[in-house]
Amino acid sequence: MIITKEEFFEMGFTVGENDVGALENCIKRAEFVLNGLTGDRAGIVARGTGAAADLVKQAAAFQTAELLKSELSEDSSSGERVAVGDFSYYKTSSRTSSSADDNSKTVVRLLRAAGCLYGGTEVRE
């Protein structure tokens, strides 16, 4: 794994006592996401030492936190039934997408700083 739950907590992230099991799953899923984004480069860099490895671990922590928020909000949403005449639906509260966008941008910036995202092109004559 890119990070452990101990490293996740050391970086200042927190979860409830009942959510530790979900944390393990989200850490694994975050690794899948980061390796998918970087073509398995994130996992390779994270095994090393230095600033690049630290940046990848931070990206994994942010991705884990985002996945955990998403998973916990789905579990705790109790939906309220709304009826208008013959039409009815379940209204669920959803968190704002701006925090999700900010976390996604943070993850991409950290991966780019670690050298895991390559944005160059090759020119041949």
C-alpha atoms as a PDB file:
ATOM      1  CA  MET A   1       0.000   0.000   0.000  1.00  0.00           C
ATOM      2  CA  ILE A   2       1.087   3.555  -0.605  1.00  0.00           C
ATOM      3  CA  ILE A   3       0.173   4.650   2.928  1.00  0.00           C
ATOM      4  CA  THR A   4      -0.850   2.928   6.125  1.00  0.00           C
ATOM      5  CA  LYS A   5      -3.597   4.089   8.432  1.00  0.00           C
ATOM      6  CA  GLU A   6      -0.921   5.208  10.907  1.00  0.00           C
ATOM      7  CA  GLU A   7       0.622   7.461   8.241  1.00  0.00           C
ATOM      8  CA  PHE A   8      -2.860   8.743   7.412  1.00  0.00           C
ATOM      9  CA  PHE A   9      -3.337   9.807  11.036  1.00  0.00           C
ATOM     10  CA  GLU A  10       0.197  11.242  11.276  1.00  0.00           C
ATOM     11  CA  MET A  11      -0.627  13.594   8.401  1.00  0.00           C
ATOM     12  CA  GLY A  12      -3.403  15.113  10.484  1.00  0.00           C
ATOM     13  CA  PHE A  13      -6.432  13.361   9.022  1.00  0.00           C
ATOM     14  CA  THR A  14      -9.040  11.979  11.420  1.00  0.00           C
ATOM     15  CA  VAL A  15     -11.900   9.490  11.332  1.00  0.00           C
ATOM     16  CA  GLY A  16     -14.463   8.344  13.854  1.00  0.00           C
ATOM     17  CA  GLU A  17     -13.803   5.228  15.902  1.00  0.00           C
ATOM     18  CA  ASN A  18     -16.565   3.371  14.051  1.00  0.00           C
ATOM     19  CA  ASP A  19     -15.085   4.258  10.655  1.00  0.00           C
ATOM     20  CA  VAL A  20     -11.673   2.566  10.967  1.00  0.00           C
ATOM     21  CA  GLY A  21     -12.840  -0.436   8.923  1.00  0.00           C
ATOM     22  CA  ALA A  22     -13.992   1.866   6.134  1.00  0.00           C
ATOM     23  CA  LEU A  23     -10.630   3.642   6.305  1.00  0.00           C
ATOM     24  CA  GLU A  24      -8.723   0.473   5.363  1.00  0.00           C
ATOM     25  CA  ASN A  25     -10.946  -0.019   2.310  1.00  0.00           C
ATOM     26  CA  CYS A  26     -10.604   3.610   1.259  1.00  0.00           C
ATOM     27  CA  ILE A  27      -6.803   3.459   1.554  1.00  0.00           C
ATOM     28  CA  LYS A  28      -6.764   0.486  -0.829  1.00  0.00           C
ATOM     29  CA  ARG A  29      -9.147   2.186  -3.255  1.00  0.00           C
ATOM     30  CA  ALA A  30      -7.091   5.396  -3.154  1.00  0.00           C
ATOM     31  CA  GLU A  31      -4.055   3.385  -4.206  1.00  0.00           C
ATOM     32  CA  PHE A  32      -5.996   2.000  -7.174  1.00  0.00           C
ATOM     33  CA  VAL A  33      -7.045   5.519  -8.193  1.00  0.00           C
ATOM     34  CA  LEU A  34      -3.551   6.984  -7.942  1.00  0.00           C
ATOM     35  CA  ASN A  35      -1.939   4.093  -9.790  1.00  0.00           C
ATOM     36  CA  GLY A  36      -4.590   4.386 -12.483  1.00  0.00           C
ATOM     37  CA  LEU A  37      -3.947   8.100 -12.883  1.00  0.00           C
ATOM     38  CA  THR A  38      -0.203   7.694 -13.067  1.00  0.00           C
ATOM     39  CA  GLY A  39       0.186   4.398 -14.907  1.00  0.00           C
ATOM     40  CA  ASP A  40       1.473   2.654 -11.750  1.00  0.00           C
ATOM     41  CA  ARG A  41       4.140   5.326 -11.275  1.00  0.00           C
ATOM     42  CA  ALA A  42       2.699   6.498  -7.906  1.00  0.00           C
ATOM     43  CA  GLY A  43       3.236   3.118  -6.287  1.00  0.00           C
ATOM     44  CA  ILE A  44       6.802   2.913  -7.542  1.00  0.00           C
ATOM     45  CA  VAL A  45       7.681   6.422  -6.359  1.00  0.00           C
ATOM     46  CA  ALA A  46       6.027   5.842  -2.963  1.00  0.00           C
ATOM     47  CA  ARG A  47       8.303   2.847  -2.289  1.00  0.00           C
ATOM     48  CA  GLY A  48      11.315   5.129  -2.509  1.00  0.00           C
ATOM     49  CA  THR A  49      12.494   7.831  -0.174  1.00  0.00           C
ATOM     50  CA  GLY A  50      12.700  11.580  -0.393  1.00  0.00           C
ATOM     51  CA  ALA A  51      10.399  14.419  -1.249  1.00  0.00           C
ATOM     52  CA  ALA A  52       8.713  12.692  -4.200  1.00  0.00           C
ATOM     53  CA  ALA A  53       7.684   9.719  -2.047  1.00  0.00           C
ATOM     54  CA  ASP A  54       6.327  12.079   0.604  1.00  0.00           C
ATOM     55  CA  LEU A  55       4.280  13.950  -2.001  1.00  0.00           C
ATOM     56  CA  VAL A  56       2.756  10.722  -3.312  1.00  0.00           C
ATOM     57  CA  LYS A  57       1.869   9.673   0.232  1.00  0.00           C
ATOM     58  CA  GLN A  58       0.208  13.034   0.821  1.00  0.00           C
ATOM     59  CA  ALA A  59      -1.762  12.616  -2.407  1.00  0.00           C
ATOM     60  CA  ALA A  60      -2.854   9.172  -1.235  1.00  0.00           C
ATOM     61  CA  ALA A  61      -4.005  10.633   2.082  1.00  0.00           C
ATOM     62  CA  PHE A  62      -6.071  13.336   0.377  1.00  0.00           C
ATOM     63  CA  GLN A  63      -7.599  10.782  -2.005  1.00  0.00           C
ATOM     64  CA  THR A  64      -8.369   8.470   0.924  1.00  0.00           C
ATOM     65  CA  ALA A  65     -10.042  11.306   2.834  1.00  0.00           C
ATOM     66  CA  GLU A  66     -12.195  12.133  -0.185  1.00  0.00           C
ATOM     67  CA  LEU A  67     -13.235   8.511  -0.687  1.00  0.00           C
ATOM     68  CA  LEU A  68     -13.973   8.181   3.018  1.00  0.00           C
ATOM     69  CA  LYS A  69     -16.169  11.302   3.024  1.00  0.00           C
ATOM     70  CA  SER A  70     -18.036   9.959   0.030  1.00  0.00           C
ATOM     71  CA  GLU A  71     -18.536   6.528   1.566  1.00  0.00           C
ATOM     72  CA  LEU A  72     -19.636   7.845   4.948  1.00  0.00           C
ATOM     73  CA  SER A  73     -22.068  10.336   3.441  1.00  0.00           C
ATOM     74  CA  GLU A  74     -23.700   7.520   1.452  1.00  0.00           C
ATOM     75  CA  ASP A  75     -24.031   5.376   4.579  1.00  0.00           C
ATOM     76  CA  SER A  76     -25.448   8.141   6.738  1.00  0.00           C
ATOM     77  CA  SER A  77     -27.852   9.651   4.232  1.00  0.00           C
ATOM     78  CA  SER A  78     -31.277   8.691   5.366  1.00  0.00           C
ATOM     79  CA  GLY A  79     -33.309  10.172   2.545  1.00  0.00           C
ATOM     80  CA  GLU A  80     -36.480  12.110   3.146  1.00  0.00           C
ATOM     81  CA  ARG A  81     -39.555  11.280   1.115  1.00  0.00           C
ATOM     82  CA  VAL A  82     -41.036  14.271  -0.695  1.00  0.00           C
ATOM     83  CA  ALA A  83     -44.451  14.019  -2.357  1.00  0.00           C
ATOM     84  CA  VAL A  84     -46.015  16.525  -4.710  1.00  0.00           C
ATOM     85  CA  GLY A  85     -49.384  15.264  -5.862  1.00  0.00           C
ATOM     86  CA  ASP A  86     -48.865  11.893  -7.527  1.00  0.00           C
ATOM     87  CA  PHE A  87     -45.118  12.484  -7.881  1.00  0.00           C
ATOM     88  CA  SER A  88     -42.800  11.452  -5.055  1.00  0.00           C
ATOM     89  CA  TYR A  89     -39.063  11.105  -4.634  1.00  0.00           C
ATOM     90  CA  TYR A  90     -36.434  10.679  -1.942  1.00  0.00           C
ATOM     91  CA  LYS A  91     -34.463  13.763  -1.105  1.00  0.00           C
ATOM     92  CA  THR A  92     -30.955  13.129   0.205  1.00  0.00           C
ATOM     93  CA  SER A  93     -28.555  15.701   1.473  1.00  0.00           C
ATOM     94  CA  SER A  94     -25.374  15.972  -0.526  1.00  0.00           C
ATOM     95  CA  ARG A  95     -22.228  17.795   0.329  1.00  0.00           C
ATOM     96  CA  THR A  96     -20.976  20.547  -1.889  1.00  0.00           C
ATOM     97  CA  SER A  97     -18.881  19.489  -4.812  1.00  0.00           C
ATOM     98  CA  SER A  98     -16.451  22.387  -4.375  1.00  0.00           C
ATOM     99  CA  SER A  99     -14.585  20.586  -1.585  1.00  0.00           C
ATOM    100  CA  ALA A 100     -14.369  17.480  -3.758  1.00  0.00           C
ATOM    101  CA  ASP A 101     -13.011  19.591  -6.615  1.00  0.00           C
ATOM    102  CA  ASP A 102     -10.445  21.202  -4.302  1.00  0.00           C
ATOM    103  CA  ASN A 103      -9.266  17.814  -3.041  1.00  0.00           C
ATOM    104  CA  SER A 104      -9.038  16.466  -6.590  1.00  0.00           C
ATOM    105  CA  LYS A 105      -6.930  19.431  -7.637  1.00  0.00           C
ATOM    106  CA  THR A 106      -4.731  18.956  -4.584  1.00  0.00           C
ATOM    107  CA  VAL A 107      -4.168  15.306  -5.471  1.00  0.00           C
ATOM    108  CA  VAL A 108      -3.236  16.179  -9.056  1.00  0.00           C
ATOM    109  CA  ARG A 109      -0.883  18.956  -7.934  1.00  0.00           C
ATOM    110  CA  LEU A 110       0.874  16.658  -5.477  1.00  0.00           C
ATOM    111  CA  LEU A 111       1.270  13.934  -8.096  1.00  0.00           C
ATOM    112  CA  ARG A 112       2.588  16.449 -10.614  1.00  0.00           C
ATOM    113  CA  ALA A 113       5.103  17.803  -8.082  1.00  0.00           C
ATOM    114  CA  ALA A 114       6.235  14.239  -7.378  1.00  0.00           C
ATOM    115  CA  GLY A 115       6.899  13.697 -11.082  1.00  0.00           C
ATOM    116  CA  CYS A 116       4.214  11.055 -11.511  1.00  0.00           C
ATOM    117  CA  LEU A 117       2.222  12.923 -14.138  1.00  0.00           C
ATOM    118  CA  TYR A 118       4.024  13.519 -17.377  1.00  0.00           C
ATOM    119  CA  GLY A 119       2.644  16.314 -19.521  1.00  0.00           C
ATOM    120  CA  GLY A 120       5.329  16.668 -22.166  1.00  0.00           C
ATOM    121  CA  THR A 121       5.206  15.859 -25.825  1.00  0.00           C
ATOM    122  CA  GLU A 122       7.829  14.573 -28.175  1.00  0.00           C
ATOM    123  CA  VAL A 123       8.713  16.434 -31.337  1.00  0.00           C
ATOM    124  CA  ARG A 124      10.328  14.576 -34.210  1.00  0.00           C
ATOM    125  CA  GLU A 125      11.671  16.053 -37.347  1.00  0.00           C
END
